[in-house]
Amino acid sequence: IPDSLGKFLPADATNPIVISTKTAE
């Protein structure tokens, strides 16, 4: 995960999700 594209499930976020660039597209 590049710094410009967030973090891996940050603790201070509510219901975070991590997806791939392909899924985002």
PDBML (XML) file of the C-alpha atoms, coordinates in Angstrom:
<?xml version="1.0" encoding="UTF-8" ?>
<PDBx:datablock datablockName="MODEL"
   xmlns:PDBx="http://pdbml.pdb.org/schema/pdbx-v50.xsd"
   xmlns:xsi="http://www.w3.org/2001/XMLSchema-instance"
   xsi:schemaLocation="http://pdbml.pdb.org/schema/pdbx-v50.xsd pdbx-v50.xsd">
   <PDBx:atom_siteCategory>
      <PDBx:atom_site id="1">
         <PDBx:B_iso_or_equiv>0.00</PDBx:B_iso_or_equiv>
         <PDBx:Cartn_x>0.000</PDBx:Cartn_x>
         <PDBx:Cartn_y>0.000</PDBx:Cartn_y>
         <PDBx:Cartn_z>0.000</PDBx:Cartn_z>
         <PDBx:auth_asym_id>A</PDBx:auth_asym_id>
         <PDBx:auth_atom_id>CA</PDBx:auth_atom_id>
         <PDBx:auth_comp_id>ILE</PDBx:auth_comp_id>
         <PDBx:auth_seq_id>1</PDBx:auth_seq_id>
         <PDBx:group_PDB>ATOM</PDBx:group_PDB>
         <PDBx:label_alt_id xsi:nil="true" />
         <PDBx:label_asym_id>A</PDBx:label_asym_id>
         <PDBx:label_atom_id>CA</PDBx:label_atom_id>
         <PDBx:label_comp_id>ILE</PDBx:label_comp_id>
         <PDBx:label_entity_id>1</PDBx:label_entity_id>
         <PDBx:label_seq_id>1</PDBx:label_seq_id>
         <PDBx:occupancy>1.00</PDBx:occupancy>
         <PDBx:pdbx_PDB_model_num>1</PDBx:pdbx_PDB_model_num>
         <PDBx:type_symbol>C</PDBx:type_symbol>
      </PDBx:atom_site>
      <PDBx:atom_site id="2">
         <PDBx:B_iso_or_equiv>0.00</PDBx:B_iso_or_equiv>
         <PDBx:Cartn_x>1.719</PDBx:Cartn_x>
         <PDBx:Cartn_y>3.256</PDBx:Cartn_y>
         <PDBx:Cartn_z>-1.089</PDBx:Cartn_z>
         <PDBx:auth_asym_id>A</PDBx:auth_asym_id>
         <PDBx:auth_atom_id>CA</PDBx:auth_atom_id>
         <PDBx:auth_comp_id>PRO</PDBx:auth_comp_id>
         <PDBx:auth_seq_id>2</PDBx:auth_seq_id>
         <PDBx:group_PDB>ATOM</PDBx:group_PDB>
         <PDBx:label_alt_id xsi:nil="true" />
         <PDBx:label_asym_id>A</PDBx:label_asym_id>
         <PDBx:label_atom_id>CA</PDBx:label_atom_id>
         <PDBx:label_comp_id>PRO</PDBx:label_comp_id>
         <PDBx:label_entity_id>1</PDBx:label_entity_id>
         <PDBx:label_seq_id>2</PDBx:label_seq_id>
         <PDBx:occupancy>1.00</PDBx:occupancy>
         <PDBx:pdbx_PDB_model_num>1</PDBx:pdbx_PDB_model_num>
         <PDBx:type_symbol>C</PDBx:type_symbol>
      </PDBx:atom_site>
      <PDBx:atom_site id="3">
         <PDBx:B_iso_or_equiv>0.00</PDBx:B_iso_or_equiv>
         <PDBx:Cartn_x>1.712</PDBx:Cartn_x>
         <PDBx:Cartn_y>6.124</PDBx:Cartn_y>
         <PDBx:Cartn_z>1.403</PDBx:Cartn_z>
         <PDBx:auth_asym_id>A</PDBx:auth_asym_id>
         <PDBx:auth_atom_id>CA</PDBx:auth_atom_id>
         <PDBx:auth_comp_id>ASP</PDBx:auth_comp_id>
         <PDBx:auth_seq_id>3</PDBx:auth_seq_id>
         <PDBx:group_PDB>ATOM</PDBx:group_PDB>
         <PDBx:label_alt_id xsi:nil="true" />
         <PDBx:label_asym_id>A</PDBx:label_asym_id>
         <PDBx:label_atom_id>CA</PDBx:label_atom_id>
         <PDBx:label_comp_id>ASP</PDBx:label_comp_id>
         <PDBx:label_entity_id>1</PDBx:label_entity_id>
         <PDBx:label_seq_id>3</PDBx:label_seq_id>
         <PDBx:occupancy>1.00</PDBx:occupancy>
         <PDBx:pdbx_PDB_model_num>1</PDBx:pdbx_PDB_model_num>
         <PDBx:type_symbol>C</PDBx:type_symbol>
      </PDBx:atom_site>
      <PDBx:atom_site id="4">
         <PDBx:B_iso_or_equiv>0.00</PDBx:B_iso_or_equiv>
         <PDBx:Cartn_x>-0.560</PDBx:Cartn_x>
         <PDBx:Cartn_y>8.039</PDBx:Cartn_y>
         <PDBx:Cartn_z>-0.967</PDBx:Cartn_z>
         <PDBx:auth_asym_id>A</PDBx:auth_asym_id>
         <PDBx:auth_atom_id>CA</PDBx:auth_atom_id>
         <PDBx:auth_comp_id>SER</PDBx:auth_comp_id>
         <PDBx:auth_seq_id>4</PDBx:auth_seq_id>
         <PDBx:group_PDB>ATOM</PDBx:group_PDB>
         <PDBx:label_alt_id xsi:nil="true" />
         <PDBx:label_asym_id>A</PDBx:label_asym_id>
         <PDBx:label_atom_id>CA</PDBx:label_atom_id>
         <PDBx:label_comp_id>SER</PDBx:label_comp_id>
         <PDBx:label_entity_id>1</PDBx:label_entity_id>
         <PDBx:label_seq_id>4</PDBx:label_seq_id>
         <PDBx:occupancy>1.00</PDBx:occupancy>
         <PDBx:pdbx_PDB_model_num>1</PDBx:pdbx_PDB_model_num>
         <PDBx:type_symbol>C</PDBx:type_symbol>
      </PDBx:atom_site>
      <PDBx:atom_site id="5">
         <PDBx:B_iso_or_equiv>0.00</PDBx:B_iso_or_equiv>
         <PDBx:Cartn_x>-3.161</PDBx:Cartn_x>
         <PDBx:Cartn_y>5.253</PDBx:Cartn_y>
         <PDBx:Cartn_z>-0.900</PDBx:Cartn_z>
         <PDBx:auth_asym_id>A</PDBx:auth_asym_id>
         <PDBx:auth_atom_id>CA</PDBx:auth_atom_id>
         <PDBx:auth_comp_id>LEU</PDBx:auth_comp_id>
         <PDBx:auth_seq_id>5</PDBx:auth_seq_id>
         <PDBx:group_PDB>ATOM</PDBx:group_PDB>
         <PDBx:label_alt_id xsi:nil="true" />
         <PDBx:label_asym_id>A</PDBx:label_asym_id>
         <PDBx:label_atom_id>CA</PDBx:label_atom_id>
         <PDBx:label_comp_id>LEU</PDBx:label_comp_id>
         <PDBx:label_entity_id>1</PDBx:label_entity_id>
         <PDBx:label_seq_id>5</PDBx:label_seq_id>
         <PDBx:occupancy>1.00</PDBx:occupancy>
         <PDBx:pdbx_PDB_model_num>1</PDBx:pdbx_PDB_model_num>
         <PDBx:type_symbol>C</PDBx:type_symbol>
      </PDBx:atom_site>
      <PDBx:atom_site id="6">
         <PDBx:B_iso_or_equiv>0.00</PDBx:B_iso_or_equiv>
         <PDBx:Cartn_x>-3.799</PDBx:Cartn_x>
         <PDBx:Cartn_y>4.930</PDBx:Cartn_y>
         <PDBx:Cartn_z>2.821</PDBx:Cartn_z>
         <PDBx:auth_asym_id>A</PDBx:auth_asym_id>
         <PDBx:auth_atom_id>CA</PDBx:auth_atom_id>
         <PDBx:auth_comp_id>GLY</PDBx:auth_comp_id>
         <PDBx:auth_seq_id>6</PDBx:auth_seq_id>
         <PDBx:group_PDB>ATOM</PDBx:group_PDB>
         <PDBx:label_alt_id xsi:nil="true" />
         <PDBx:label_asym_id>A</PDBx:label_asym_id>
         <PDBx:label_atom_id>CA</PDBx:label_atom_id>
         <PDBx:label_comp_id>GLY</PDBx:label_comp_id>
         <PDBx:label_entity_id>1</PDBx:label_entity_id>
         <PDBx:label_seq_id>6</PDBx:label_seq_id>
         <PDBx:occupancy>1.00</PDBx:occupancy>
         <PDBx:pdbx_PDB_model_num>1</PDBx:pdbx_PDB_model_num>
         <PDBx:type_symbol>C</PDBx:type_symbol>
      </PDBx:atom_site>
      <PDBx:atom_site id="7">
         <PDBx:B_iso_or_equiv>0.00</PDBx:B_iso_or_equiv>
         <PDBx:Cartn_x>-2.904</PDBx:Cartn_x>
         <PDBx:Cartn_y>2.348</PDBx:Cartn_y>
         <PDBx:Cartn_z>5.440</PDBx:Cartn_z>
         <PDBx:auth_asym_id>A</PDBx:auth_asym_id>
         <PDBx:auth_atom_id>CA</PDBx:auth_atom_id>
         <PDBx:auth_comp_id>LYS</PDBx:auth_comp_id>
         <PDBx:auth_seq_id>7</PDBx:auth_seq_id>
         <PDBx:group_PDB>ATOM</PDBx:group_PDB>
         <PDBx:label_alt_id xsi:nil="true" />
         <PDBx:label_asym_id>A</PDBx:label_asym_id>
         <PDBx:label_atom_id>CA</PDBx:label_atom_id>
         <PDBx:label_comp_id>LYS</PDBx:label_comp_id>
         <PDBx:label_entity_id>1</PDBx:label_entity_id>
         <PDBx:label_seq_id>7</PDBx:label_seq_id>
         <PDBx:occupancy>1.00</PDBx:occupancy>
         <PDBx:pdbx_PDB_model_num>1</PDBx:pdbx_PDB_model_num>
         <PDBx:type_symbol>C</PDBx:type_symbol>
      </PDBx:atom_site>
      <PDBx:atom_site id="8">
         <PDBx:B_iso_or_equiv>0.00</PDBx:B_iso_or_equiv>
         <PDBx:Cartn_x>-3.733</PDBx:Cartn_x>
         <PDBx:Cartn_y>-1.238</PDBx:Cartn_y>
         <PDBx:Cartn_z>6.317</PDBx:Cartn_z>
         <PDBx:auth_asym_id>A</PDBx:auth_asym_id>
         <PDBx:auth_atom_id>CA</PDBx:auth_atom_id>
         <PDBx:auth_comp_id>PHE</PDBx:auth_comp_id>
         <PDBx:auth_seq_id>8</PDBx:auth_seq_id>
         <PDBx:group_PDB>ATOM</PDBx:group_PDB>
         <PDBx:label_alt_id xsi:nil="true" />
         <PDBx:label_asym_id>A</PDBx:label_asym_id>
         <PDBx:label_atom_id>CA</PDBx:label_atom_id>
         <PDBx:label_comp_id>PHE</PDBx:label_comp_id>
         <PDBx:label_entity_id>1</PDBx:label_entity_id>
         <PDBx:label_seq_id>8</PDBx:label_seq_id>
         <PDBx:occupancy>1.00</PDBx:occupancy>
         <PDBx:pdbx_PDB_model_num>1</PDBx:pdbx_PDB_model_num>
         <PDBx:type_symbol>C</PDBx:type_symbol>
      </PDBx:atom_site>
      <PDBx:atom_site id="9">
         <PDBx:B_iso_or_equiv>0.00</PDBx:B_iso_or_equiv>
         <PDBx:Cartn_x>-6.860</PDBx:Cartn_x>
         <PDBx:Cartn_y>-1.115</PDBx:Cartn_y>
         <PDBx:Cartn_z>8.493</PDBx:Cartn_z>
         <PDBx:auth_asym_id>A</PDBx:auth_asym_id>
         <PDBx:auth_atom_id>CA</PDBx:auth_atom_id>
         <PDBx:auth_comp_id>LEU</PDBx:auth_comp_id>
         <PDBx:auth_seq_id>9</PDBx:auth_seq_id>
         <PDBx:group_PDB>ATOM</PDBx:group_PDB>
         <PDBx:label_alt_id xsi:nil="true" />
         <PDBx:label_asym_id>A</PDBx:label_asym_id>
         <PDBx:label_atom_id>CA</PDBx:label_atom_id>
         <PDBx:label_comp_id>LEU</PDBx:label_comp_id>
         <PDBx:label_entity_id>1</PDBx:label_entity_id>
         <PDBx:label_seq_id>9</PDBx:label_seq_id>
         <PDBx:occupancy>1.00</PDBx:occupancy>
         <PDBx:pdbx_PDB_model_num>1</PDBx:pdbx_PDB_model_num>
         <PDBx:type_symbol>C</PDBx:type_symbol>
      </PDBx:atom_site>
      <PDBx:atom_site id="10">
         <PDBx:B_iso_or_equiv>0.00</PDBx:B_iso_or_equiv>
         <PDBx:Cartn_x>-5.875</PDBx:Cartn_x>
         <PDBx:Cartn_y>1.827</PDBx:Cartn_y>
         <PDBx:Cartn_z>10.740</PDBx:Cartn_z>
         <PDBx:auth_asym_id>A</PDBx:auth_asym_id>
         <PDBx:auth_atom_id>CA</PDBx:auth_atom_id>
         <PDBx:auth_comp_id>PRO</PDBx:auth_comp_id>
         <PDBx:auth_seq_id>10</PDBx:auth_seq_id>
         <PDBx:group_PDB>ATOM</PDBx:group_PDB>
         <PDBx:label_alt_id xsi:nil="true" />
         <PDBx:label_asym_id>A</PDBx:label_asym_id>
         <PDBx:label_atom_id>CA</PDBx:label_atom_id>
         <PDBx:label_comp_id>PRO</PDBx:label_comp_id>
         <PDBx:label_entity_id>1</PDBx:label_entity_id>
         <PDBx:label_seq_id>10</PDBx:label_seq_id>
         <PDBx:occupancy>1.00</PDBx:occupancy>
         <PDBx:pdbx_PDB_model_num>1</PDBx:pdbx_PDB_model_num>
         <PDBx:type_symbol>C</PDBx:type_symbol>
      </PDBx:atom_site>
      <PDBx:atom_site id="11">
         <PDBx:B_iso_or_equiv>0.00</PDBx:B_iso_or_equiv>
         <PDBx:Cartn_x>-6.956</PDBx:Cartn_x>
         <PDBx:Cartn_y>1.478</PDBx:Cartn_y>
         <PDBx:Cartn_z>14.374</PDBx:Cartn_z>
         <PDBx:auth_asym_id>A</PDBx:auth_asym_id>
         <PDBx:auth_atom_id>CA</PDBx:auth_atom_id>
         <PDBx:auth_comp_id>ALA</PDBx:auth_comp_id>
         <PDBx:auth_seq_id>11</PDBx:auth_seq_id>
         <PDBx:group_PDB>ATOM</PDBx:group_PDB>
         <PDBx:label_alt_id xsi:nil="true" />
         <PDBx:label_asym_id>A</PDBx:label_asym_id>
         <PDBx:label_atom_id>CA</PDBx:label_atom_id>
         <PDBx:label_comp_id>ALA</PDBx:label_comp_id>
         <PDBx:label_entity_id>1</PDBx:label_entity_id>
         <PDBx:label_seq_id>11</PDBx:label_seq_id>
         <PDBx:occupancy>1.00</PDBx:occupancy>
         <PDBx:pdbx_PDB_model_num>1</PDBx:pdbx_PDB_model_num>
         <PDBx:type_symbol>C</PDBx:type_symbol>
      </PDBx:atom_site>
      <PDBx:atom_site id="12">
         <PDBx:B_iso_or_equiv>0.00</PDBx:B_iso_or_equiv>
         <PDBx:Cartn_x>-8.498</PDBx:Cartn_x>
         <PDBx:Cartn_y>4.948</PDBx:Cartn_y>
         <PDBx:Cartn_z>14.555</PDBx:Cartn_z>
         <PDBx:auth_asym_id>A</PDBx:auth_asym_id>
         <PDBx:auth_atom_id>CA</PDBx:auth_atom_id>
         <PDBx:auth_comp_id>ASP</PDBx:auth_comp_id>
         <PDBx:auth_seq_id>12</PDBx:auth_seq_id>
         <PDBx:group_PDB>ATOM</PDBx:group_PDB>
         <PDBx:label_alt_id xsi:nil="true" />
         <PDBx:label_asym_id>A</PDBx:label_asym_id>
         <PDBx:label_atom_id>CA</PDBx:label_atom_id>
         <PDBx:label_comp_id>ASP</PDBx:label_comp_id>
         <PDBx:label_entity_id>1</PDBx:label_entity_id>
         <PDBx:label_seq_id>12</PDBx:label_seq_id>
         <PDBx:occupancy>1.00</PDBx:occupancy>
         <PDBx:pdbx_PDB_model_num>1</PDBx:pdbx_PDB_model_num>
         <PDBx:type_symbol>C</PDBx:type_symbol>
      </PDBx:atom_site>
      <PDBx:atom_site id="13">
         <PDBx:B_iso_or_equiv>0.00</PDBx:B_iso_or_equiv>
         <PDBx:Cartn_x>-10.859</PDBx:Cartn_x>
         <PDBx:Cartn_y>4.373</PDBx:Cartn_y>
         <PDBx:Cartn_z>11.600</PDBx:Cartn_z>
         <PDBx:auth_asym_id>A</PDBx:auth_asym_id>
         <PDBx:auth_atom_id>CA</PDBx:auth_atom_id>
         <PDBx:auth_comp_id>ALA</PDBx:auth_comp_id>
         <PDBx:auth_seq_id>13</PDBx:auth_seq_id>
         <PDBx:group_PDB>ATOM</PDBx:group_PDB>
         <PDBx:label_alt_id xsi:nil="true" />
         <PDBx:label_asym_id>A</PDBx:label_asym_id>
         <PDBx:label_atom_id>CA</PDBx:label_atom_id>
         <PDBx:label_comp_id>ALA</PDBx:label_comp_id>
         <PDBx:label_entity_id>1</PDBx:label_entity_id>
         <PDBx:label_seq_id>13</PDBx:label_seq_id>
         <PDBx:occupancy>1.00</PDBx:occupancy>
         <PDBx:pdbx_PDB_model_num>1</PDBx:pdbx_PDB_model_num>
         <PDBx:type_symbol>C</PDBx:type_symbol>
      </PDBx:atom_site>
      <PDBx:atom_site id="14">
         <PDBx:B_iso_or_equiv>0.00</PDBx:B_iso_or_equiv>
         <PDBx:Cartn_x>-14.478</PDBx:Cartn_x>
         <PDBx:Cartn_y>3.187</PDBx:Cartn_y>
         <PDBx:Cartn_z>11.799</PDBx:Cartn_z>
         <PDBx:auth_asym_id>A</PDBx:auth_asym_id>
         <PDBx:auth_atom_id>CA</PDBx:auth_atom_id>
         <PDBx:auth_comp_id>THR</PDBx:auth_comp_id>
         <PDBx:auth_seq_id>14</PDBx:auth_seq_id>
         <PDBx:group_PDB>ATOM</PDBx:group_PDB>
         <PDBx:label_alt_id xsi:nil="true" />
         <PDBx:label_asym_id>A</PDBx:label_asym_id>
         <PDBx:label_atom_id>CA</PDBx:label_atom_id>
         <PDBx:label_comp_id>THR</PDBx:label_comp_id>
         <PDBx:label_entity_id>1</PDBx:label_entity_id>
         <PDBx:label_seq_id>14</PDBx:label_seq_id>
         <PDBx:occupancy>1.00</PDBx:occupancy>
         <PDBx:pdbx_PDB_model_num>1</PDBx:pdbx_PDB_model_num>
         <PDBx:type_symbol>C</PDBx:type_symbol>
      </PDBx:atom_site>
      <PDBx:atom_site id="15">
         <PDBx:B_iso_or_equiv>0.00</PDBx:B_iso_or_equiv>
         <PDBx:Cartn_x>-15.252</PDBx:Cartn_x>
         <PDBx:Cartn_y>0.103</PDBx:Cartn_y>
         <PDBx:Cartn_z>9.706</PDBx:Cartn_z>
         <PDBx:auth_asym_id>A</PDBx:auth_asym_id>
         <PDBx:auth_atom_id>CA</PDBx:auth_atom_id>
         <PDBx:auth_comp_id>ASN</PDBx:auth_comp_id>
         <PDBx:auth_seq_id>15</PDBx:auth_seq_id>
         <PDBx:group_PDB>ATOM</PDBx:group_PDB>
         <PDBx:label_alt_id xsi:nil="true" />
         <PDBx:label_asym_id>A</PDBx:label_asym_id>
         <PDBx:label_atom_id>CA</PDBx:label_atom_id>
         <PDBx:label_comp_id>ASN</PDBx:label_comp_id>
         <PDBx:label_entity_id>1</PDBx:label_entity_id>
         <PDBx:label_seq_id>15</PDBx:label_seq_id>
         <PDBx:occupancy>1.00</PDBx:occupancy>
         <PDBx:pdbx_PDB_model_num>1</PDBx:pdbx_PDB_model_num>
         <PDBx:type_symbol>C</PDBx:type_symbol>
      </PDBx:atom_site>
      <PDBx:atom_site id="16">
         <PDBx:B_iso_or_equiv>0.00</PDBx:B_iso_or_equiv>
         <PDBx:Cartn_x>-12.179</PDBx:Cartn_x>
         <PDBx:Cartn_y>0.410</PDBx:Cartn_y>
         <PDBx:Cartn_z>7.464</PDBx:Cartn_z>
         <PDBx:auth_asym_id>A</PDBx:auth_asym_id>
         <PDBx:auth_atom_id>CA</PDBx:auth_atom_id>
         <PDBx:auth_comp_id>PRO</PDBx:auth_comp_id>
         <PDBx:auth_seq_id>16</PDBx:auth_seq_id>
         <PDBx:group_PDB>ATOM</PDBx:group_PDB>
         <PDBx:label_alt_id xsi:nil="true" />
         <PDBx:label_asym_id>A</PDBx:label_asym_id>
         <PDBx:label_atom_id>CA</PDBx:label_atom_id>
         <PDBx:label_comp_id>PRO</PDBx:label_comp_id>
         <PDBx:label_entity_id>1</PDBx:label_entity_id>
         <PDBx:label_seq_id>16</PDBx:label_seq_id>
         <PDBx:occupancy>1.00</PDBx:occupancy>
         <PDBx:pdbx_PDB_model_num>1</PDBx:pdbx_PDB_model_num>
         <PDBx:type_symbol>C</PDBx:type_symbol>
      </PDBx:atom_site>
      <PDBx:atom_site id="17">
         <PDBx:B_iso_or_equiv>0.00</PDBx:B_iso_or_equiv>
         <PDBx:Cartn_x>-11.709</PDBx:Cartn_x>
         <PDBx:Cartn_y>-1.829</PDBx:Cartn_y>
         <PDBx:Cartn_z>4.426</PDBx:Cartn_z>
         <PDBx:auth_asym_id>A</PDBx:auth_asym_id>
         <PDBx:auth_atom_id>CA</PDBx:auth_atom_id>
         <PDBx:auth_comp_id>ILE</PDBx:auth_comp_id>
         <PDBx:auth_seq_id>17</PDBx:auth_seq_id>
         <PDBx:group_PDB>ATOM</PDBx:group_PDB>
         <PDBx:label_alt_id xsi:nil="true" />
         <PDBx:label_asym_id>A</PDBx:label_asym_id>
         <PDBx:label_atom_id>CA</PDBx:label_atom_id>
         <PDBx:label_comp_id>ILE</PDBx:label_comp_id>
         <PDBx:label_entity_id>1</PDBx:label_entity_id>
         <PDBx:label_seq_id>17</PDBx:label_seq_id>
         <PDBx:occupancy>1.00</PDBx:occupancy>
         <PDBx:pdbx_PDB_model_num>1</PDBx:pdbx_PDB_model_num>
         <PDBx:type_symbol>C</PDBx:type_symbol>
      </PDBx:atom_site>
      <PDBx:atom_site id="18">
         <PDBx:B_iso_or_equiv>0.00</PDBx:B_iso_or_equiv>
         <PDBx:Cartn_x>-8.638</PDBx:Cartn_x>
         <PDBx:Cartn_y>-2.423</PDBx:Cartn_y>
         <PDBx:Cartn_z>2.294</PDBx:Cartn_z>
         <PDBx:auth_asym_id>A</PDBx:auth_asym_id>
         <PDBx:auth_atom_id>CA</PDBx:auth_atom_id>
         <PDBx:auth_comp_id>VAL</PDBx:auth_comp_id>
         <PDBx:auth_seq_id>18</PDBx:auth_seq_id>
         <PDBx:group_PDB>ATOM</PDBx:group_PDB>
         <PDBx:label_alt_id xsi:nil="true" />
         <PDBx:label_asym_id>A</PDBx:label_asym_id>
         <PDBx:label_atom_id>CA</PDBx:label_atom_id>
         <PDBx:label_comp_id>VAL</PDBx:label_comp_id>
         <PDBx:label_entity_id>1</PDBx:label_entity_id>
         <PDBx:label_seq_id>18</PDBx:label_seq_id>
         <PDBx:occupancy>1.00</PDBx:occupancy>
         <PDBx:pdbx_PDB_model_num>1</PDBx:pdbx_PDB_model_num>
         <PDBx:type_symbol>C</PDBx:type_symbol>
      </PDBx:atom_site>
      <PDBx:atom_site id="19">
         <PDBx:B_iso_or_equiv>0.00</PDBx:B_iso_or_equiv>
         <PDBx:Cartn_x>-9.172</PDBx:Cartn_x>
         <PDBx:Cartn_y>-3.231</PDBx:Cartn_y>
         <PDBx:Cartn_z>-1.383</PDBx:Cartn_z>
         <PDBx:auth_asym_id>A</PDBx:auth_asym_id>
         <PDBx:auth_atom_id>CA</PDBx:auth_atom_id>
         <PDBx:auth_comp_id>ILE</PDBx:auth_comp_id>
         <PDBx:auth_seq_id>19</PDBx:auth_seq_id>
         <PDBx:group_PDB>ATOM</PDBx:group_PDB>
         <PDBx:label_alt_id xsi:nil="true" />
         <PDBx:label_asym_id>A</PDBx:label_asym_id>
         <PDBx:label_atom_id>CA</PDBx:label_atom_id>
         <PDBx:label_comp_id>ILE</PDBx:label_comp_id>
         <PDBx:label_entity_id>1</PDBx:label_entity_id>
         <PDBx:label_seq_id>19</PDBx:label_seq_id>
         <PDBx:occupancy>1.00</PDBx:occupancy>
         <PDBx:pdbx_PDB_model_num>1</PDBx:pdbx_PDB_model_num>
         <PDBx:type_symbol>C</PDBx:type_symbol>
      </PDBx:atom_site>
      <PDBx:atom_site id="20">
         <PDBx:B_iso_or_equiv>0.00</PDBx:B_iso_or_equiv>
         <PDBx:Cartn_x>-6.926</PDBx:Cartn_x>
         <PDBx:Cartn_y>-3.602</PDBx:Cartn_y>
         <PDBx:Cartn_z>-4.434</PDBx:Cartn_z>
         <PDBx:auth_asym_id>A</PDBx:auth_asym_id>
         <PDBx:auth_atom_id>CA</PDBx:auth_atom_id>
         <PDBx:auth_comp_id>SER</PDBx:auth_comp_id>
         <PDBx:auth_seq_id>20</PDBx:auth_seq_id>
         <PDBx:group_PDB>ATOM</PDBx:group_PDB>
         <PDBx:label_alt_id xsi:nil="true" />
         <PDBx:label_asym_id>A</PDBx:label_asym_id>
         <PDBx:label_atom_id>CA</PDBx:label_atom_id>
         <PDBx:label_comp_id>SER</PDBx:label_comp_id>
         <PDBx:label_entity_id>1</PDBx:label_entity_id>
         <PDBx:label_seq_id>20</PDBx:label_seq_id>
         <PDBx:occupancy>1.00</PDBx:occupancy>
         <PDBx:pdbx_PDB_model_num>1</PDBx:pdbx_PDB_model_num>
         <PDBx:type_symbol>C</PDBx:type_symbol>
      </PDBx:atom_site>
      <PDBx:atom_site id="21">
         <PDBx:B_iso_or_equiv>0.00</PDBx:B_iso_or_equiv>
         <PDBx:Cartn_x>-6.358</PDBx:Cartn_x>
         <PDBx:Cartn_y>-1.129</PDBx:Cartn_y>
         <PDBx:Cartn_z>-7.250</PDBx:Cartn_z>
         <PDBx:auth_asym_id>A</PDBx:auth_asym_id>
         <PDBx:auth_atom_id>CA</PDBx:auth_atom_id>
         <PDBx:auth_comp_id>THR</PDBx:auth_comp_id>
         <PDBx:auth_seq_id>21</PDBx:auth_seq_id>
         <PDBx:group_PDB>ATOM</PDBx:group_PDB>
         <PDBx:label_alt_id xsi:nil="true" />
         <PDBx:label_asym_id>A</PDBx:label_asym_id>
         <PDBx:label_atom_id>CA</PDBx:label_atom_id>
         <PDBx:label_comp_id>THR</PDBx:label_comp_id>
         <PDBx:label_entity_id>1</PDBx:label_entity_id>
         <PDBx:label_seq_id>21</PDBx:label_seq_id>
         <PDBx:occupancy>1.00</PDBx:occupancy>
         <PDBx:pdbx_PDB_model_num>1</PDBx:pdbx_PDB_model_num>
         <PDBx:type_symbol>C</PDBx:type_symbol>
      </PDBx:atom_site>
      <PDBx:atom_site id="22">
         <PDBx:B_iso_or_equiv>0.00</PDBx:B_iso_or_equiv>
         <PDBx:Cartn_x>-8.155</PDBx:Cartn_x>
         <PDBx:Cartn_y>-3.502</PDBx:Cartn_y>
         <PDBx:Cartn_z>-9.616</PDBx:Cartn_z>
         <PDBx:auth_asym_id>A</PDBx:auth_asym_id>
         <PDBx:auth_atom_id>CA</PDBx:auth_atom_id>
         <PDBx:auth_comp_id>LYS</PDBx:auth_comp_id>
         <PDBx:auth_seq_id>22</PDBx:auth_seq_id>
         <PDBx:group_PDB>ATOM</PDBx:group_PDB>
         <PDBx:label_alt_id xsi:nil="true" />
         <PDBx:label_asym_id>A</PDBx:label_asym_id>
         <PDBx:label_atom_id>CA</PDBx:label_atom_id>
         <PDBx:label_comp_id>LYS</PDBx:label_comp_id>
         <PDBx:label_entity_id>1</PDBx:label_entity_id>
         <PDBx:label_seq_id>22</PDBx:label_seq_id>
         <PDBx:occupancy>1.00</PDBx:occupancy>
         <PDBx:pdbx_PDB_model_num>1</PDBx:pdbx_PDB_model_num>
         <PDBx:type_symbol>C</PDBx:type_symbol>
      </PDBx:atom_site>
      <PDBx:atom_site id="23">
         <PDBx:B_iso_or_equiv>0.00</PDBx:B_iso_or_equiv>
         <PDBx:Cartn_x>-11.232</PDBx:Cartn_x>
         <PDBx:Cartn_y>-3.622</PDBx:Cartn_y>
         <PDBx:Cartn_z>-7.377</PDBx:Cartn_z>
         <PDBx:auth_asym_id>A</PDBx:auth_asym_id>
         <PDBx:auth_atom_id>CA</PDBx:auth_atom_id>
         <PDBx:auth_comp_id>THR</PDBx:auth_comp_id>
         <PDBx:auth_seq_id>23</PDBx:auth_seq_id>
         <PDBx:group_PDB>ATOM</PDBx:group_PDB>
         <PDBx:label_alt_id xsi:nil="true" />
         <PDBx:label_asym_id>A</PDBx:label_asym_id>
         <PDBx:label_atom_id>CA</PDBx:label_atom_id>
         <PDBx:label_comp_id>THR</PDBx:label_comp_id>
         <PDBx:label_entity_id>1</PDBx:label_entity_id>
         <PDBx:label_seq_id>23</PDBx:label_seq_id>
         <PDBx:occupancy>1.00</PDBx:occupancy>
         <PDBx:pdbx_PDB_model_num>1</PDBx:pdbx_PDB_model_num>
         <PDBx:type_symbol>C</PDBx:type_symbol>
      </PDBx:atom_site>
      <PDBx:atom_site id="24">
         <PDBx:B_iso_or_equiv>0.00</PDBx:B_iso_or_equiv>
         <PDBx:Cartn_x>-11.148</PDBx:Cartn_x>
         <PDBx:Cartn_y>0.163</PDBx:Cartn_y>
         <PDBx:Cartn_z>-7.010</PDBx:Cartn_z>
         <PDBx:auth_asym_id>A</PDBx:auth_asym_id>
         <PDBx:auth_atom_id>CA</PDBx:auth_atom_id>
         <PDBx:auth_comp_id>ALA</PDBx:auth_comp_id>
         <PDBx:auth_seq_id>24</PDBx:auth_seq_id>
         <PDBx:group_PDB>ATOM</PDBx:group_PDB>
         <PDBx:label_alt_id xsi:nil="true" />
         <PDBx:label_asym_id>A</PDBx:label_asym_id>
         <PDBx:label_atom_id>CA</PDBx:label_atom_id>
         <PDBx:label_comp_id>ALA</PDBx:label_comp_id>
         <PDBx:label_entity_id>1</PDBx:label_entity_id>
         <PDBx:label_seq_id>24</PDBx:label_seq_id>
         <PDBx:occupancy>1.00</PDBx:occupancy>
         <PDBx:pdbx_PDB_model_num>1</PDBx:pdbx_PDB_model_num>
         <PDBx:type_symbol>C</PDBx:type_symbol>
      </PDBx:atom_site>
      <PDBx:atom_site id="25">
         <PDBx:B_iso_or_equiv>0.00</PDBx:B_iso_or_equiv>
         <PDBx:Cartn_x>-11.073</PDBx:Cartn_x>
         <PDBx:Cartn_y>0.524</PDBx:Cartn_y>
         <PDBx:Cartn_z>-10.786</PDBx:Cartn_z>
         <PDBx:auth_asym_id>A</PDBx:auth_asym_id>
         <PDBx:auth_atom_id>CA</PDBx:auth_atom_id>
         <PDBx:auth_comp_id>GLU</PDBx:auth_comp_id>
         <PDBx:auth_seq_id>25</PDBx:auth_seq_id>
         <PDBx:group_PDB>ATOM</PDBx:group_PDB>
         <PDBx:label_alt_id xsi:nil="true" />
         <PDBx:label_asym_id>A</PDBx:label_asym_id>
         <PDBx:label_atom_id>CA</PDBx:label_atom_id>
         <PDBx:label_comp_id>GLU</PDBx:label_comp_id>
         <PDBx:label_entity_id>1</PDBx:label_entity_id>
         <PDBx:label_seq_id>25</PDBx:label_seq_id>
         <PDBx:occupancy>1.00</PDBx:occupancy>
         <PDBx:pdbx_PDB_model_num>1</PDBx:pdbx_PDB_model_num>
         <PDBx:type_symbol>C</PDBx:type_symbol>
      </PDBx:atom_site>
   </PDBx:atom_siteCategory>
</PDBx:datablock>
